[in-house]
Each structure stands twice: as structure tokens, then as C-alpha cells.
Amino acid sequence: MPATGNPPSVPSGALPDGVTLRLLDDDDGPALAAAYSRNRAHLEPWEPVRPPEFYDADRQAGLVATELRSHEDGRSVPLVLVRAGEIVGRVNLSDIVLGAFRNTHLGYWVDASLAGRGVMTAAVDAACAHARDDLGLHRVQAATLLHNTASQKVLARTGFDRIGTAPSYLRIAGRWQDHALFQRILHD
């Protein structure tokens, strides 16, 4: 992290299918609410149970403000995927720890209309390059539900290794579920 306390630059640029990757913006609440609403059925099997207000623009605006404060504090990098002015996914580096660990957690999702088209592979690769080159991190870790083979393929294509299984790791879709754990070492 810079000595000034300002967050470093964030990855941005073109991905496949006319998608761009950029930092979450103060004004993204309504667009995020629309994206989550549009993808509700697509995401529900892979996420915690969301209360109805989660899909509201005001609720998303509040979450955006919280995420941007976390970014300013150097604890996360909240990114969005955008195509034709519409948010079509998220990539998040969260729980950034420096010191001897130099680690972050990776989370992501892509719009149902773009699944399987290489967009998320390119976005994850860009986020990992940012973690290495701009944040100076050593390791990125991720977890997927055991049956989420599509997400596991993204991780494999971007250099992650499976390192184990965590029983009852996260409460997803209303129940505690086992997850496959992955890591990508960014520096040898």
C-alpha cells in the first residue's frame, strides 16, 4: 500500500465480449441492484440467502459506500464488470492482510448471459495481476462449493491450485456447505 494511505490504482481495461473491469463507483447502487435482480435465480444457488431489501437500489448504494470505505482503508478492492453501461458482474479482493501473510480472498460472479465465455477468466487474471503488481501480495485464496465446477474451471485456468476441503465452510443457499479451497501463489 502507498505510504500516503491512498489506495493504489486498480485494474481496468477491456475483457472479452466488450466487457470492461473497473473500480466500484459511488453511483453504482442502482446499476448493482438491477444486476443482482436480473441475476437473482442465477446467483441464488451460490450465495447466502438475501433479504428482499438486498435488491433495492438504496440498499445497494449503502453497500457501495461501505465497500468504498474498505477500499480507501486498504482492506479490499471492489470491482465491477461493465458492458454497454450495465453492470454484468463483480470481482472482489477482500480481507487484504499485509505483513508476513500478504494475502487476500477472491470472490466473483458474472451475468448469466456471459457465463462460459471467458469473461470471468480474464477478470480473475486481471485481479490477480493487480494483487501481485500493485498491492504486493503473495497469495490469493478462493473457495467454491464442491459442485461449482464452472467456478473451479475459472480458478484452474488462472493458475489456482486446490489445497483442500473445508467442511461446513459458508452458509450458502440457506445451509452450511462444504467448500473446495484454492490458492494462487503470486511470487516464487
C-alpha atoms as a PDB file:
ATOM      1  CA  MET A   1       0.000   0.000   0.000  1.00  0.00           C
ATOM      2  CA  PRO A   2       1.244   3.518  -0.637  1.00  0.00           C
ATOM      3  CA  ALA A   3       2.673   5.403   2.327  1.00  0.00           C
ATOM      4  CA  THR A   4       0.108   8.179   1.798  1.00  0.00           C
ATOM      5  CA  GLY A   5      -2.747   5.891   2.780  1.00  0.00           C
ATOM      6  CA  ASN A   6      -4.377   6.400  -0.618  1.00  0.00           C
ATOM      7  CA  PRO A   7      -5.484   3.198  -2.312  1.00  0.00           C
ATOM      8  CA  PRO A   8      -3.304   2.120  -5.240  1.00  0.00           C
ATOM      9  CA  SER A   9      -4.523   2.153  -8.789  1.00  0.00           C
ATOM     10  CA  VAL A  10      -6.999  -0.551  -9.659  1.00  0.00           C
ATOM     11  CA  PRO A  11      -7.124  -2.842 -12.654  1.00  0.00           C
ATOM     12  CA  SER A  12      -9.099  -1.566 -15.570  1.00  0.00           C
ATOM     13  CA  GLY A  13      -9.354  -2.431 -19.188  1.00  0.00           C
ATOM     14  CA  ALA A  14     -11.070  -4.468 -21.817  1.00  0.00           C
ATOM     15  CA  LEU A  15     -12.139  -8.069 -21.341  1.00  0.00           C
ATOM     16  CA  PRO A  16     -13.862 -10.364 -23.882  1.00  0.00           C
ATOM     17  CA  ASP A  17     -17.338  -9.554 -25.251  1.00  0.00           C
ATOM     18  CA  GLY A  18     -16.978  -5.783 -24.833  1.00  0.00           C
ATOM     19  CA  VAL A  19     -16.777  -6.020 -21.035  1.00  0.00           C
ATOM     20  CA  THR A  20     -14.589  -3.657 -19.030  1.00  0.00           C
ATOM     21  CA  LEU A  21     -13.293  -4.008 -15.492  1.00  0.00           C
ATOM     22  CA  ARG A  22     -13.242  -1.012 -13.150  1.00  0.00           C
ATOM     23  CA  LEU A  23     -13.395   0.037  -9.519  1.00  0.00           C
ATOM     24  CA  LEU A  24     -16.836   0.261  -7.964  1.00  0.00           C
ATOM     25  CA  ASP A  25     -18.147   3.850  -8.161  1.00  0.00           C
ATOM     26  CA  ASP A  26     -20.225   5.916  -5.715  1.00  0.00           C
ATOM     27  CA  ASP A  27     -23.113   5.973  -8.195  1.00  0.00           C
ATOM     28  CA  ASP A  28     -23.269   2.200  -8.831  1.00  0.00           C
ATOM     29  CA  GLY A  29     -26.062   1.383  -6.349  1.00  0.00           C
ATOM     30  CA  PRO A  30     -28.953   1.402  -8.856  1.00  0.00           C
ATOM     31  CA  ALA A  31     -26.945  -0.489 -11.500  1.00  0.00           C
ATOM     32  CA  LEU A  32     -25.908  -3.108  -8.942  1.00  0.00           C
ATOM     33  CA  ALA A  33     -29.498  -3.516  -7.773  1.00  0.00           C
ATOM     34  CA  ALA A  34     -30.531  -4.078 -11.392  1.00  0.00           C
ATOM     35  CA  ALA A  35     -27.701  -6.578 -11.972  1.00  0.00           C
ATOM     36  CA  TYR A  36     -28.472  -8.553  -8.818  1.00  0.00           C
ATOM     37  CA  SER A  37     -32.204  -8.537  -9.607  1.00  0.00           C
ATOM     38  CA  ARG A  38     -31.610  -9.649 -13.198  1.00  0.00           C
ATOM     39  CA  ASN A  39     -29.323 -12.479 -12.000  1.00  0.00           C
ATOM     40  CA  ARG A  40     -31.205 -13.458  -8.859  1.00  0.00           C
ATOM     41  CA  ALA A  41     -32.077 -17.016  -9.951  1.00  0.00           C
ATOM     42  CA  HIS A  42     -28.617 -17.479 -11.486  1.00  0.00           C
ATOM     43  CA  LEU A  43     -26.819 -16.469  -8.253  1.00  0.00           C
ATOM     44  CA  GLU A  44     -29.099 -17.892  -5.543  1.00  0.00           C
ATOM     45  CA  PRO A  45     -27.525 -21.401  -5.506  1.00  0.00           C
ATOM     46  CA  TRP A  46     -24.053 -19.901  -4.939  1.00  0.00           C
ATOM     47  CA  GLU A  47     -24.684 -17.108  -2.407  1.00  0.00           C
ATOM     48  CA  PRO A  48     -26.100 -16.551   1.080  1.00  0.00           C
ATOM     49  CA  VAL A  49     -29.864 -16.125   1.291  1.00  0.00           C
ATOM     50  CA  ARG A  50     -30.534 -12.466   0.531  1.00  0.00           C
ATOM     51  CA  PRO A  51     -33.353 -10.491   2.157  1.00  0.00           C
ATOM     52  CA  PRO A  52     -35.708  -8.719  -0.291  1.00  0.00           C
ATOM     53  CA  GLU A  53     -34.198  -5.303   0.501  1.00  0.00           C
ATOM     54  CA  PHE A  54     -30.797  -6.508  -0.801  1.00  0.00           C
ATOM     55  CA  TYR A  55     -32.171  -5.986  -4.334  1.00  0.00           C
ATOM     56  CA  ASP A  56     -33.177  -2.379  -3.640  1.00  0.00           C
ATOM     57  CA  ALA A  57     -31.140   0.484  -5.151  1.00  0.00           C
ATOM     58  CA  ASP A  58     -30.916   2.325  -1.804  1.00  0.00           C
ATOM     59  CA  ARG A  59     -29.615  -0.794  -0.037  1.00  0.00           C
ATOM     60  CA  GLN A  60     -27.031  -1.321  -2.778  1.00  0.00           C
ATOM     61  CA  ALA A  61     -25.983   2.336  -2.529  1.00  0.00           C
ATOM     62  CA  GLY A  62     -25.308   1.818   1.169  1.00  0.00           C
ATOM     63  CA  LEU A  63     -23.293  -1.327   0.479  1.00  0.00           C
ATOM     64  CA  VAL A  64     -21.287   0.534  -2.188  1.00  0.00           C
ATOM     65  CA  ALA A  65     -20.378   3.236   0.350  1.00  0.00           C
ATOM     66  CA  THR A  66     -19.229   0.585   2.834  1.00  0.00           C
ATOM     67  CA  GLU A  67     -17.140  -1.203   0.208  1.00  0.00           C
ATOM     68  CA  LEU A  68     -15.508   2.016  -0.957  1.00  0.00           C
ATOM     69  CA  ARG A  69     -14.559   2.894   2.641  1.00  0.00           C
ATOM     70  CA  SER A  70     -12.968  -0.544   2.959  1.00  0.00           C
ATOM     71  CA  HIS A  71     -11.059   0.114  -0.255  1.00  0.00           C
ATOM     72  CA  GLU A  72      -9.875   3.508   0.979  1.00  0.00           C
ATOM     73  CA  ASP A  73      -8.619   1.784   4.139  1.00  0.00           C
ATOM     74  CA  GLY A  74      -6.638  -0.705   2.024  1.00  0.00           C
ATOM     75  CA  ARG A  75      -8.712  -3.695   3.127  1.00  0.00           C
ATOM     76  CA  SER A  76     -10.369  -4.542  -0.196  1.00  0.00           C
ATOM     77  CA  VAL A  77     -10.585  -3.892  -3.921  1.00  0.00           C
ATOM     78  CA  PRO A  78     -14.260  -3.897  -5.050  1.00  0.00           C
ATOM     79  CA  LEU A  79     -14.503  -4.195  -8.825  1.00  0.00           C
ATOM     80  CA  VAL A  80     -17.362  -4.350 -11.310  1.00  0.00           C
ATOM     81  CA  LEU A  81     -17.626  -5.711 -14.814  1.00  0.00           C
ATOM     82  CA  VAL A  82     -19.471  -3.365 -17.159  1.00  0.00           C
ATOM     83  CA  ARG A  83     -20.808  -3.801 -20.693  1.00  0.00           C
ATOM     84  CA  ALA A  84     -22.679  -1.096 -22.585  1.00  0.00           C
ATOM     85  CA  GLY A  85     -23.125   0.882 -19.365  1.00  0.00           C
ATOM     86  CA  GLU A  86     -24.665  -2.061 -17.487  1.00  0.00           C
ATOM     87  CA  ILE A  87     -23.019  -3.894 -14.575  1.00  0.00           C
ATOM     88  CA  VAL A  88     -22.614  -7.538 -15.567  1.00  0.00           C
ATOM     89  CA  GLY A  89     -20.543  -8.924 -12.721  1.00  0.00           C
ATOM     90  CA  ARG A  90     -18.293  -8.413  -9.737  1.00  0.00           C
ATOM     91  CA  VAL A  91     -14.752  -9.299  -8.714  1.00  0.00           C
ATOM     92  CA  ASN A  92     -13.694  -8.593  -5.154  1.00  0.00           C
ATOM     93  CA  LEU A  93     -10.386  -8.834  -3.368  1.00  0.00           C
ATOM     94  CA  SER A  94     -11.321  -8.740   0.304  1.00  0.00           C
ATOM     95  CA  ASP A  95      -9.749  -9.251   3.704  1.00  0.00           C
ATOM     96  CA  ILE A  96      -6.392  -7.942   2.473  1.00  0.00           C
ATOM     97  CA  VAL A  97      -3.693  -8.733   5.029  1.00  0.00           C
ATOM     98  CA  LEU A  98      -0.164  -7.379   4.712  1.00  0.00           C
ATOM     99  CA  GLY A  99       2.844  -8.155   6.931  1.00  0.00           C
ATOM    100  CA  ALA A 100       4.209 -11.673   6.723  1.00  0.00           C
ATOM    101  CA  PHE A 101       0.956 -13.063   5.229  1.00  0.00           C
ATOM    102  CA  ARG A 102       0.337 -10.696   2.247  1.00  0.00           C
ATOM    103  CA  ASN A 103      -2.909 -12.433   1.373  1.00  0.00           C
ATOM    104  CA  THR A 104      -6.403 -11.690   0.059  1.00  0.00           C
ATOM    105  CA  HIS A 105      -9.645 -13.549  -0.588  1.00  0.00           C
ATOM    106  CA  LEU A 106     -11.129 -13.574  -4.092  1.00  0.00           C
ATOM    107  CA  GLY A 107     -14.851 -13.569  -4.835  1.00  0.00           C
ATOM    108  CA  TYR A 108     -16.621 -13.163  -8.172  1.00  0.00           C
ATOM    109  CA  TRP A 109     -19.740 -13.641 -10.262  1.00  0.00           C
ATOM    110  CA  VAL A 110     -20.746 -12.926 -13.841  1.00  0.00           C
ATOM    111  CA  ASP A 111     -24.083 -12.232 -15.502  1.00  0.00           C
ATOM    112  CA  ALA A 112     -25.865 -15.391 -16.661  1.00  0.00           C
ATOM    113  CA  SER A 113     -25.746 -14.123 -20.262  1.00  0.00           C
ATOM    114  CA  LEU A 114     -21.915 -14.086 -20.157  1.00  0.00           C
ATOM    115  CA  ALA A 115     -21.239 -17.352 -18.327  1.00  0.00           C
ATOM    116  CA  GLY A 116     -18.835 -19.684 -20.098  1.00  0.00           C
ATOM    117  CA  ARG A 117     -17.463 -17.042 -22.477  1.00  0.00           C
ATOM    118  CA  GLY A 118     -14.072 -16.349 -20.890  1.00  0.00           C
ATOM    119  CA  VAL A 119     -15.061 -13.045 -19.321  1.00  0.00           C
ATOM    120  CA  MET A 120     -14.559 -14.169 -15.734  1.00  0.00           C
ATOM    121  CA  THR A 121     -11.296 -15.944 -16.523  1.00  0.00           C
ATOM    122  CA  ALA A 122      -9.895 -12.677 -17.898  1.00  0.00           C
ATOM    123  CA  ALA A 123     -11.285 -10.666 -14.959  1.00  0.00           C
ATOM    124  CA  VAL A 124      -9.843 -13.026 -12.328  1.00  0.00           C
ATOM    125  CA  ASP A 125      -6.479 -12.984 -14.076  1.00  0.00           C
ATOM    126  CA  ALA A 126      -6.520  -9.148 -14.096  1.00  0.00           C
ATOM    127  CA  ALA A 127      -7.447  -9.026 -10.397  1.00  0.00           C
ATOM    128  CA  CYS A 128      -4.594 -11.409  -9.533  1.00  0.00           C
ATOM    129  CA  ALA A 129      -2.125  -9.338 -11.566  1.00  0.00           C
ATOM    130  CA  HIS A 130      -3.299  -6.276  -9.624  1.00  0.00           C
ATOM    131  CA  ALA A 131      -2.872  -8.122  -6.318  1.00  0.00           C
ATOM    132  CA  ARG A 132       0.691  -9.034  -7.287  1.00  0.00           C
ATOM    133  CA  ASP A 133       1.895  -5.943  -9.157  1.00  0.00           C
ATOM    134  CA  ASP A 134       0.079  -3.103  -7.391  1.00  0.00           C
ATOM    135  CA  LEU A 135      -0.701  -4.446  -3.924  1.00  0.00           C
ATOM    136  CA  GLY A 136       2.453  -6.527  -3.494  1.00  0.00           C
ATOM    137  CA  LEU A 137       0.502  -9.525  -2.256  1.00  0.00           C
ATOM    138  CA  HIS A 138       1.957 -13.040  -2.201  1.00  0.00           C
ATOM    139  CA  ARG A 139      -1.180 -15.180  -2.214  1.00  0.00           C
ATOM    140  CA  VAL A 140      -4.800 -15.082  -3.345  1.00  0.00           C
ATOM    141  CA  GLN A 141      -7.214 -17.614  -1.928  1.00  0.00           C
ATOM    142  CA  ALA A 142     -10.661 -18.639  -3.116  1.00  0.00           C
ATOM    143  CA  ALA A 143     -13.347 -21.127  -2.166  1.00  0.00           C
ATOM    144  CA  THR A 144     -16.113 -22.728  -4.199  1.00  0.00           C
ATOM    145  CA  LEU A 145     -18.958 -25.049  -3.416  1.00  0.00           C
ATOM    146  CA  LEU A 146     -17.863 -28.603  -4.166  1.00  0.00           C
ATOM    147  CA  HIS A 147     -20.297 -28.878  -7.083  1.00  0.00           C
ATOM    148  CA  ASN A 148     -19.457 -25.478  -8.638  1.00  0.00           C
ATOM    149  CA  THR A 149     -17.380 -26.900 -11.479  1.00  0.00           C
ATOM    150  CA  ALA A 150     -17.702 -23.769 -13.631  1.00  0.00           C
ATOM    151  CA  SER A 151     -16.043 -21.644 -10.965  1.00  0.00           C
ATOM    152  CA  GLN A 152     -13.405 -24.299 -10.372  1.00  0.00           C
ATOM    153  CA  LYS A 153     -12.548 -24.221 -14.085  1.00  0.00           C
ATOM    154  CA  VAL A 154     -12.031 -20.434 -13.894  1.00  0.00           C
ATOM    155  CA  LEU A 155      -9.655 -20.927 -10.981  1.00  0.00           C
ATOM    156  CA  ALA A 156      -7.738 -23.709 -12.740  1.00  0.00           C
ATOM    157  CA  ARG A 157      -7.361 -21.614 -15.916  1.00  0.00           C
ATOM    158  CA  THR A 158      -5.971 -18.711 -13.885  1.00  0.00           C
ATOM    159  CA  GLY A 159      -3.286 -20.645 -12.017  1.00  0.00           C
ATOM    160  CA  PHE A 160      -5.025 -21.604  -8.771  1.00  0.00           C
ATOM    161  CA  ASP A 161      -4.273 -24.918  -7.089  1.00  0.00           C
ATOM    162  CA  ARG A 162      -6.762 -26.824  -4.985  1.00  0.00           C
ATOM    163  CA  ILE A 163      -5.395 -27.089  -1.455  1.00  0.00           C
ATOM    164  CA  GLY A 164      -8.168 -28.853   0.422  1.00  0.00           C
ATOM    165  CA  THR A 165     -11.762 -29.049   1.517  1.00  0.00           C
ATOM    166  CA  ALA A 166     -13.388 -27.064   4.309  1.00  0.00           C
ATOM    167  CA  PRO A 167     -16.409 -28.791   5.842  1.00  0.00           C
ATOM    168  CA  SER A 168     -19.403 -26.537   6.570  1.00  0.00           C
ATOM    169  CA  TYR A 169     -17.335 -23.542   5.431  1.00  0.00           C
ATOM    170  CA  LEU A 170     -20.025 -20.999   4.473  1.00  0.00           C
ATOM    171  CA  ARG A 171     -23.796 -20.706   4.850  1.00  0.00           C
ATOM    172  CA  ILE A 172     -24.858 -20.713   1.199  1.00  0.00           C
ATOM    173  CA  ALA A 173     -28.421 -21.074  -0.119  1.00  0.00           C
ATOM    174  CA  GLY A 174     -29.684 -21.414   3.447  1.00  0.00           C
ATOM    175  CA  ARG A 175     -27.404 -24.174   4.727  1.00  0.00           C
ATOM    176  CA  TRP A 176     -23.805 -24.719   5.820  1.00  0.00           C
ATOM    177  CA  GLN A 177     -21.968 -26.214   2.880  1.00  0.00           C
ATOM    178  CA  ASP A 178     -18.568 -27.768   2.260  1.00  0.00           C
ATOM    179  CA  HIS A 179     -16.199 -25.825   0.003  1.00  0.00           C
ATOM    180  CA  ALA A 180     -13.144 -26.629  -2.059  1.00  0.00           C
ATOM    181  CA  LEU A 181     -10.258 -24.320  -1.129  1.00  0.00           C
ATOM    182  CA  PHE A 182      -7.854 -22.893  -3.710  1.00  0.00           C
ATOM    183  CA  GLN A 183      -4.804 -20.658  -3.697  1.00  0.00           C
ATOM    184  CA  ARG A 184      -2.636 -18.908  -6.230  1.00  0.00           C
ATOM    185  CA  ILE A 185       0.890 -18.046  -5.175  1.00  0.00           C
ATOM    186  CA  LEU A 186       1.819 -14.777  -6.883  1.00  0.00           C
ATOM    187  CA  HIS A 187       5.562 -14.735  -6.111  1.00  0.00           C
ATOM    188  CA  ASP A 188       8.014 -17.624  -6.038  1.00  0.00           C
END
